[in-house]
Structure formats: structure tokens, C-alpha cells
């Protein structure tokens, strides 16, 4: 038979509670929102085949890599 004294029972109880609280706090963390990877001016939408693609150049007209059609960037003036 295993002998358990009062201090051992209390220390196991407190250790269990601390472990439970640490696991719950880890699971409750919300992911931090990251800033967008690409700026909106580098994201293009093809008007013909509806393909979304990215370019590294800041141009007004771009060529779709899928269907090779020309797309014009719509500039919002806000």
C-alpha cells in the first residue's frame, strides 16, 4: 500500500491545478493578426479567366500568366 501524507496530497493538487491553468491559457490564446504580406497594388485579377496572380512591378497594365490577356489596374481615388 502507498502511504500518502497531507503535504504530498496538497502539492499534487496544486501542481495539477497549475498544469490545468497553463494548458487552458495556452489553448485560449488568440492568434495575432499579421499585416498583409503583399500590398494591394501587386495583386491582380484577370477579367477574362478570373485568375488571381501577383506581380512585383507597379504597372498599370499586366499580362495574365494563365490566359495571356491584358489586364488594366483599376485605381481607386478616395
PDB file of N, CA and C in Angstrom:
ATOM      1  N   UNK A   1       0.833  -1.164   0.000  1.00  0.00           N
ATOM      2  CA  UNK A   1       0.000   0.000   0.000  1.00  0.00           C
ATOM      3  C   UNK A   1       0.891   1.245   0.000  1.00  0.00           C
ATOM      4  N   UNK A   2       0.443   2.274  -0.704  1.00  0.00           N
ATOM      5  CA  UNK A   2       1.211   3.520  -0.805  1.00  0.00           C
ATOM      6  C   UNK A   2       0.754   4.461   0.293  1.00  0.00           C
ATOM      7  N   UNK A   3       1.709   4.985   1.027  1.00  0.00           N
ATOM      8  CA  UNK A   3       1.380   5.962   2.069  1.00  0.00           C
ATOM      9  C   UNK A   3       1.381   7.359   1.472  1.00  0.00           C
ATOM     10  N   UNK A   4       0.333   8.088   1.697  1.00  0.00           N
ATOM     11  CA  UNK A   4       0.238   9.477   1.250  1.00  0.00           C
ATOM     12  C   UNK A   4       0.055  10.353   2.477  1.00  0.00           C
ATOM     13  N   UNK A   5       0.957  11.293   2.617  1.00  0.00           N
ATOM     14  CA  UNK A   5       0.760  12.225   3.720  1.00  0.00           C
ATOM     15  C   UNK A   5       0.056  13.476   3.195  1.00  0.00           C
ATOM     16  N   UNK A   6      -0.327  14.329   4.077  1.00  0.00           N
ATOM     17  CA  UNK A   6      -1.120  15.511   3.754  1.00  0.00           C
ATOM     18  C   UNK A   6      -0.365  16.464   2.827  1.00  0.00           C
ATOM     19  N   UNK A   7       0.925  16.700   3.050  1.00  0.00           N
ATOM     20  CA  UNK A   7       1.698  17.629   2.214  1.00  0.00           C
ATOM     21  C   UNK A   7       1.841  17.115   0.782  1.00  0.00           C
ATOM     22  N   UNK A   8       1.988  15.818   0.600  1.00  0.00           N
ATOM     23  CA  UNK A   8       2.094  15.251  -0.735  1.00  0.00           C
ATOM     24  C   UNK A   8       0.785  15.422  -1.512  1.00  0.00           C
ATOM     25  N   UNK A   9      -0.324  15.206  -0.852  1.00  0.00           N
ATOM     26  CA  UNK A   9      -1.631  15.361  -1.494  1.00  0.00           C
ATOM     27  C   UNK A   9      -1.852  16.813  -1.896  1.00  0.00           C
ATOM     28  N   UNK A  10      -1.534  17.762  -1.015  1.00  0.00           N
ATOM     29  CA  UNK A  10      -1.702  19.190  -1.309  1.00  0.00           C
ATOM     30  C   UNK A  10      -0.789  19.608  -2.458  1.00  0.00           C
ATOM     31  N   UNK A  11       0.473  19.149  -2.456  1.00  0.00           N
ATOM     32  CA  UNK A  11       1.399  19.540  -3.517  1.00  0.00           C
ATOM     33  C   UNK A  11       0.971  18.951  -4.867  1.00  0.00           C
ATOM     34  N   UNK A  12       0.462  17.715  -4.884  1.00  0.00           N
ATOM     35  CA  UNK A  12      -0.039  17.145  -6.135  1.00  0.00           C
ATOM     36  C   UNK A  12      -1.273  17.884  -6.635  1.00  0.00           C
ATOM     37  N   UNK A  13      -2.133  18.289  -5.729  1.00  0.00           N
ATOM     38  CA  UNK A  13      -3.324  19.040  -6.105  1.00  0.00           C
ATOM     39  C   UNK A  13      -2.946  20.390  -6.703  1.00  0.00           C
ATOM     40  N   UNK A  14      -2.031  21.104  -6.069  1.00  0.00           N
ATOM     41  CA  UNK A  14      -1.612  22.420  -6.572  1.00  0.00           C
ATOM     42  C   UNK A  14      -0.890  22.282  -7.909  1.00  0.00           C
ATOM     43  N   UNK A  15      -0.040  21.268  -8.054  1.00  0.00           N
ATOM     44  CA  UNK A  15       0.660  21.037  -9.322  1.00  0.00           C
ATOM     45  C   UNK A  15      -0.334  20.722 -10.434  1.00  0.00           C
ATOM     46  N   UNK A  16      -1.339  19.935 -10.147  1.00  0.00           N
ATOM     47  CA  UNK A  16      -2.370  19.623 -11.132  1.00  0.00           C
ATOM     48  C   UNK A  16      -3.148  20.858 -11.552  1.00  0.00           C
ATOM     49  N   UNK A  17      -3.489  21.711 -10.575  1.00  0.00           N
ATOM     50  CA  UNK A  17      -4.205  22.944 -10.901  1.00  0.00           C
ATOM     51  C   UNK A  17      -3.356  23.875 -11.748  1.00  0.00           C
ATOM     52  N   UNK A  18      -2.093  24.022 -11.405  1.00  0.00           N
ATOM     53  CA  UNK A  18      -1.215  24.882 -12.197  1.00  0.00           C
ATOM     54  C   UNK A  18      -1.043  24.343 -13.616  1.00  0.00           C
ATOM     55  N   UNK A  19      -0.922  23.034 -13.746  1.00  0.00           N
ATOM     56  CA  UNK A  19      -0.824  22.437 -15.079  1.00  0.00           C
ATOM     57  C   UNK A  19      -2.090  22.646 -15.886  1.00  0.00           C
ATOM     58  N   UNK A  20      -3.237  22.491 -15.242  1.00  0.00           N
ATOM     59  CA  UNK A  20      -4.512  22.702 -15.924  1.00  0.00           C
ATOM     60  C   UNK A  20      -4.661  24.145 -16.374  1.00  0.00           C
ATOM     61  N   UNK A  21      -4.326  25.098 -15.502  1.00  0.00           N
ATOM     62  CA  UNK A  21      -4.428  26.516 -15.861  1.00  0.00           C
ATOM     63  C   UNK A  21      -3.462  26.884 -16.979  1.00  0.00           C
ATOM     64  N   UNK A  22      -2.266  26.304 -16.978  1.00  0.00           N
ATOM     65  CA  UNK A  22      -1.317  26.625 -18.042  1.00  0.00           C
ATOM     66  C   UNK A  22      -1.779  26.062 -19.382  1.00  0.00           C
ATOM     67  N   UNK A  23      -2.356  24.861 -19.387  1.00  0.00           N
ATOM     68  CA  UNK A  23      -2.869  24.287 -20.633  1.00  0.00           C
ATOM     69  C   UNK A  23      -4.063  25.094 -21.139  1.00  0.00           C
ATOM     70  N   UNK A  24      -4.946  25.492 -20.253  1.00  0.00           N
ATOM     71  CA  UNK A  24      -6.108  26.290 -20.663  1.00  0.00           C
ATOM     72  C   UNK A  24      -5.698  27.660 -21.185  1.00  0.00           C
ATOM     73  N   UNK A  25      -4.716  28.282 -20.567  1.00  0.00           N
ATOM     74  CA  UNK A  25      -4.275  29.591 -21.051  1.00  0.00           C
ATOM     75  C   UNK A  25      -3.582  29.462 -22.400  1.00  0.00           C
ATOM     76  N   UNK A  26      -2.869  28.359 -22.627  1.00  0.00           N
ATOM     77  CA  UNK A  26      -2.226  28.147 -23.926  1.00  0.00           C
ATOM     78  C   UNK A  26      -3.274  27.933 -25.012  1.00  0.00           C
ATOM     79  N   UNK A  27      -4.313  27.183 -24.712  1.00  0.00           N
ATOM     80  CA  UNK A  27      -5.353  26.920 -25.700  1.00  0.00           C
ATOM     81  C   UNK A  27      -6.240  28.136 -25.953  1.00  0.00           C
ATOM     82  N   UNK A  28      -6.308  29.046 -25.006  1.00  0.00           N
ATOM     83  CA  UNK A  28      -7.178  30.209 -25.116  1.00  0.00           C
ATOM     84  C   UNK A  28      -6.517  31.370 -25.853  1.00  0.00           C
ATOM     85  N   UNK A  29      -5.246  31.274 -26.164  1.00  0.00           N
ATOM     86  CA  UNK A  29      -4.566  32.369 -26.844  1.00  0.00           C
ATOM     87  C   UNK A  29      -5.116  32.525 -28.243  1.00  0.00           C
ATOM     88  N   UNK A  30      -5.452  33.762 -28.604  1.00  0.00           N
ATOM     89  CA  UNK A  30      -5.932  34.018 -29.955  1.00  0.00           C
ATOM     90  C   UNK A  30      -4.733  34.357 -30.839  1.00  0.00           C
ATOM     91  N   UNK A  31      -4.754  33.903 -32.074  1.00  0.00           N
ATOM     92  CA  UNK A  31      -3.629  34.205 -32.960  1.00  0.00           C
ATOM     93  C   UNK A  31      -3.576  35.700 -33.268  1.00  0.00           C
ATOM     94  N   UNK A  32      -2.394  36.235 -33.276  1.00  0.00           N
ATOM     95  CA  UNK A  32      -2.236  37.653 -33.573  1.00  0.00           C
ATOM     96  C   UNK A  32      -2.379  37.863 -35.071  1.00  0.00           C
ATOM     97  N   UNK A  33      -3.057  38.944 -35.418  1.00  0.00           N
ATOM     98  CA  UNK A  33      -3.250  39.234 -36.829  1.00  0.00           C
ATOM     99  C   UNK A  33      -1.965  39.799 -37.403  1.00  0.00           C
ATOM    100  N   UNK A  34      -1.594  39.252 -38.539  1.00  0.00           N
ATOM    101  CA  UNK A  34      -0.386  39.697 -39.208  1.00  0.00           C
ATOM    102  C   UNK A  34      -0.753  40.725 -40.270  1.00  0.00           C
ATOM    103  N   UNK A  35       0.147  41.640 -40.540  1.00  0.00           N
ATOM    104  CA  UNK A  35      -0.140  42.583 -41.625  1.00  0.00           C
ATOM    105  C   UNK A  35      -0.133  41.850 -42.964  1.00  0.00           C
ATOM    106  N   UNK A  36      -0.820  42.389 -43.953  1.00  0.00           N
ATOM    107  CA  UNK A  36      -0.859  41.707 -45.245  1.00  0.00           C
ATOM    108  C   UNK A  36       0.542  41.538 -45.822  1.00  0.00           C
ATOM    109  N   UNK A  37       0.757  40.388 -46.424  1.00  0.00           N
ATOM    110  CA  UNK A  37       2.073  40.079 -46.984  1.00  0.00           C
ATOM    111  C   UNK A  37       2.369  40.928 -48.210  1.00  0.00           C
ATOM    112  N   UNK A  38       1.371  41.073 -49.060  1.00  0.00           N
ATOM    113  CA  UNK A  38       1.535  41.861 -50.274  1.00  0.00           C
ATOM    114  C   UNK A  38       0.628  43.074 -50.237  1.00  0.00           C
ATOM    115  N   UNK A  39       1.092  44.138 -50.829  1.00  0.00           N
ATOM    116  CA  UNK A  39       0.247  45.318 -50.942  1.00  0.00           C
ATOM    117  C   UNK A  39      -0.781  45.093 -52.038  1.00  0.00           C
ATOM    118  N   UNK A  40      -1.847  45.822 -51.958  1.00  0.00           N
ATOM    119  CA  UNK A  40      -2.958  45.653 -52.894  1.00  0.00           C
ATOM    120  C   UNK A  40      -2.542  45.948 -54.331  1.00  0.00           C
ATOM    121  N   UNK A  41      -1.557  46.801 -54.532  1.00  0.00           N
ATOM    122  CA  UNK A  41      -1.176  47.153 -55.900  1.00  0.00           C
ATOM    123  C   UNK A  41      -0.458  46.021 -56.624  1.00  0.00           C
ATOM    124  N   UNK A  42       0.004  44.982 -55.906  1.00  0.00           N
ATOM    125  CA  UNK A  42       0.680  43.860 -56.529  1.00  0.00           C
ATOM    126  C   UNK A  42      -0.249  42.674 -56.786  1.00  0.00           C
ATOM    127  N   UNK A  43      -1.486  42.756 -56.350  1.00  0.00           N
ATOM    128  CA  UNK A  43      -2.458  41.682 -56.551  1.00  0.00           C
ATOM    129  C   UNK A  43      -3.305  42.027 -57.777  1.00  0.00           C
ATOM    130  N   UNK A  44      -3.369  41.104 -58.711  1.00  0.00           N
ATOM    131  CA  UNK A  44      -4.101  41.315 -59.951  1.00  0.00           C
ATOM    132  C   UNK A  44      -5.181  40.249 -60.110  1.00  0.00           C
ATOM    133  N   UNK A  45      -6.303  40.635 -60.706  1.00  0.00           N
ATOM    134  CA  UNK A  45      -7.407  39.735 -61.011  1.00  0.00           C
ATOM    135  C   UNK A  45      -7.654  39.793 -62.509  1.00  0.00           C
ATOM    136  N   UNK A  46      -7.571  38.663 -63.151  1.00  0.00           N
ATOM    137  CA  UNK A  46      -7.801  38.622 -64.592  1.00  0.00           C
ATOM    138  C   UNK A  46      -9.298  38.742 -64.871  1.00  0.00           C
ATOM    139  N   UNK A  47      -9.650  39.635 -65.788  1.00  0.00           N
ATOM    140  CA  UNK A  47     -11.060  39.843 -66.111  1.00  0.00           C
ATOM    141  C   UNK A  47     -11.588  38.792 -67.084  1.00  0.00           C
ATOM    142  N   UNK A  48     -10.705  38.035 -67.712  1.00  0.00           N
ATOM    143  CA  UNK A  48     -11.124  37.019 -68.677  1.00  0.00           C
ATOM    144  C   UNK A  48     -11.298  35.653 -68.006  1.00  0.00           C
ATOM    145  N   UNK A  49     -10.234  35.179 -67.355  1.00  0.00           N
ATOM    146  CA  UNK A  49     -10.288  33.818 -66.781  1.00  0.00           C
ATOM    147  C   UNK A  49     -10.449  33.821 -65.259  1.00  0.00           C
ATOM    148  N   UNK A  50     -10.579  34.969 -64.660  1.00  0.00           N
ATOM    149  CA  UNK A  50     -10.784  35.174 -63.212  1.00  0.00           C
ATOM    150  C   UNK A  50      -9.650  34.581 -62.376  1.00  0.00           C
ATOM    151  N   UNK A  51      -8.460  34.567 -62.922  1.00  0.00           N
ATOM    152  CA  UNK A  51      -7.283  34.069 -62.213  1.00  0.00           C
ATOM    153  C   UNK A  51      -6.700  35.198 -61.364  1.00  0.00           C
ATOM    154  N   UNK A  52      -6.300  34.889 -60.157  1.00  0.00           N
ATOM    155  CA  UNK A  52      -5.653  35.861 -59.283  1.00  0.00           C
ATOM    156  C   UNK A  52      -4.160  35.597 -59.316  1.00  0.00           C
ATOM    157  N   UNK A  53      -3.392  36.638 -59.605  1.00  0.00           N
ATOM    158  CA  UNK A  53      -1.949  36.484 -59.673  1.00  0.00           C
ATOM    159  C   UNK A  53      -1.266  37.702 -59.080  1.00  0.00           C
ATOM    160  N   UNK A  54       0.025  37.579 -58.875  1.00  0.00           N
ATOM    161  CA  UNK A  54       0.803  38.624 -58.227  1.00  0.00           C
ATOM    162  C   UNK A  54       1.926  39.072 -59.155  1.00  0.00           C
ATOM    163  N   UNK A  55       2.216  40.350 -59.112  1.00  0.00           N
ATOM    164  CA  UNK A  55       3.361  40.883 -59.835  1.00  0.00           C
ATOM    165  C   UNK A  55       4.212  41.681 -58.867  1.00  0.00           C
ATOM    166  N   UNK A  56       5.454  41.839 -59.200  1.00  0.00           N
ATOM    167  CA  UNK A  56       6.346  42.618 -58.333  1.00  0.00           C
ATOM    168  C   UNK A  56       6.577  44.015 -58.874  1.00  0.00           C
ATOM    169  N   UNK A  57       6.015  44.299 -60.031  1.00  0.00           N
ATOM    170  CA  UNK A  57       6.203  45.615 -60.636  1.00  0.00           C
ATOM    171  C   UNK A  57       4.924  46.431 -60.480  1.00  0.00           C
ATOM    172  N   UNK A  58       5.111  47.703 -60.272  1.00  0.00           N
ATOM    173  CA  UNK A  58       3.988  48.616 -60.120  1.00  0.00           C
ATOM    174  C   UNK A  58       3.646  49.182 -61.500  1.00  0.00           C
ATOM    175  N   UNK A  59       2.762  48.472 -62.216  1.00  0.00           N
ATOM    176  CA  UNK A  59       2.395  48.862 -63.569  1.00  0.00           C
ATOM    177  C   UNK A  59       0.890  49.094 -63.629  1.00  0.00           C
ATOM    178  N   UNK A  60       0.465  49.726 -64.708  1.00  0.00           N
ATOM    179  CA  UNK A  60      -0.965  49.941 -64.909  1.00  0.00           C
ATOM    180  C   UNK A  60      -1.568  48.769 -65.682  1.00  0.00           C
ATOM    181  N   UNK A  61      -0.793  48.184 -66.608  1.00  0.00           N
ATOM    182  CA  UNK A  61      -1.257  47.054 -67.403  1.00  0.00           C
ATOM    183  C   UNK A  61      -0.356  45.860 -67.137  1.00  0.00           C
ATOM    184  N   UNK A  62      -0.979  44.700 -66.983  1.00  0.00           N
ATOM    185  CA  UNK A  62      -0.240  43.467 -66.725  1.00  0.00           C
ATOM    186  C   UNK A  62      -0.796  42.351 -67.604  1.00  0.00           C
ATOM    187  N   UNK A  63       0.021  41.336 -67.826  1.00  0.00           N
ATOM    188  CA  UNK A  63      -0.392  40.183 -68.628  1.00  0.00           C
ATOM    189  C   UNK A  63      -0.684  39.006 -67.699  1.00  0.00           C
ATOM    190  N   UNK A  64      -1.821  38.397 -67.888  1.00  0.00           N
ATOM    191  CA  UNK A  64      -2.202  37.241 -67.077  1.00  0.00           C
ATOM    192  C   UNK A  64      -1.312  36.052 -67.446  1.00  0.00           C
ATOM    193  N   UNK A  65      -0.725  35.373 -66.463  1.00  0.00           N
ATOM    194  CA  UNK A  65       0.135  34.241 -66.778  1.00  0.00           C
ATOM    195  C   UNK A  65      -0.629  33.006 -67.261  1.00  0.00           C
ATOM    196  N   UNK A  66      -1.917  32.938 -67.009  1.00  0.00           N
ATOM    197  CA  UNK A  66      -2.690  31.768 -67.416  1.00  0.00           C
ATOM    198  C   UNK A  66      -3.211  31.893 -68.849  1.00  0.00           C
ATOM    199  N   UNK A  67      -3.914  32.990 -69.141  1.00  0.00           N
ATOM    200  CA  UNK A  67      -4.543  33.120 -70.459  1.00  0.00           C
ATOM    201  C   UNK A  67      -3.867  34.157 -71.352  1.00  0.00           C
ATOM    202  N   UNK A  68      -2.849  34.836 -70.842  1.00  0.00           N
ATOM    203  CA  UNK A  68      -2.049  35.828 -71.567  1.00  0.00           C
ATOM    204  C   UNK A  68      -2.858  37.032 -72.032  1.00  0.00           C
ATOM    205  N   UNK A  69      -3.955  37.318 -71.379  1.00  0.00           N
ATOM    206  CA  UNK A  69      -4.722  38.507 -71.717  1.00  0.00           C
ATOM    207  C   UNK A  69      -4.189  39.694 -70.914  1.00  0.00           C
ATOM    208  N   UNK A  70      -4.455  40.884 -71.432  1.00  0.00           N
ATOM    209  CA  UNK A  70      -4.005  42.089 -70.761  1.00  0.00           C
ATOM    210  C   UNK A  70      -5.058  42.549 -69.759  1.00  0.00           C
ATOM    211  N   UNK A  71      -4.586  42.987 -68.613  1.00  0.00           N
ATOM    212  CA  UNK A  71      -5.479  43.488 -67.575  1.00  0.00           C
ATOM    213  C   UNK A  71      -5.018  44.865 -67.146  1.00  0.00           C
ATOM    214  N   UNK A  72      -5.995  45.727 -66.942  1.00  0.00           N
ATOM    215  CA  UNK A  72      -5.695  47.090 -66.519  1.00  0.00           C
ATOM    216  C   UNK A  72      -6.036  47.237 -65.056  1.00  0.00           C
ATOM    217  N   UNK A  73      -5.158  47.876 -64.338  1.00  0.00           N
ATOM    218  CA  UNK A  73      -5.366  48.096 -62.903  1.00  0.00           C
ATOM    219  C   UNK A  73      -6.369  49.223 -62.712  1.00  0.00           C
ATOM    220  N   UNK A  74      -7.374  48.969 -61.911  1.00  0.00           N
ATOM    221  CA  UNK A  74      -8.369  49.982 -61.585  1.00  0.00           C
ATOM    222  C   UNK A  74      -7.855  50.742 -60.378  1.00  0.00           C
ATOM    223  N   UNK A  75      -7.652  52.025 -60.548  1.00  0.00           N
ATOM    224  CA  UNK A  75      -7.115  52.857 -59.478  1.00  0.00           C
ATOM    225  C   UNK A  75      -8.264  53.554 -58.784  1.00  0.00           C
ATOM    226  N   UNK A  76      -8.384  53.292 -57.491  1.00  0.00           N
ATOM    227  CA  UNK A  76      -9.421  53.937 -56.694  1.00  0.00           C
ATOM    228  C   UNK A  76      -8.908  55.292 -56.235  1.00  0.00           C
ATOM    229  N   UNK A  77      -9.702  56.299 -56.436  1.00  0.00           N
ATOM    230  CA  UNK A  77      -9.324  57.641 -55.953  1.00  0.00           C
ATOM    231  C   UNK A  77     -10.232  57.981 -54.779  1.00  0.00           C
ATOM    232  N   UNK A  78      -9.719  57.746 -53.592  1.00  0.00           N
ATOM    233  CA  UNK A  78     -10.507  58.007 -52.383  1.00  0.00           C
ATOM    234  C   UNK A  78     -10.033  59.254 -51.707  1.00  0.00           C
TER     235      UNK A  78
END
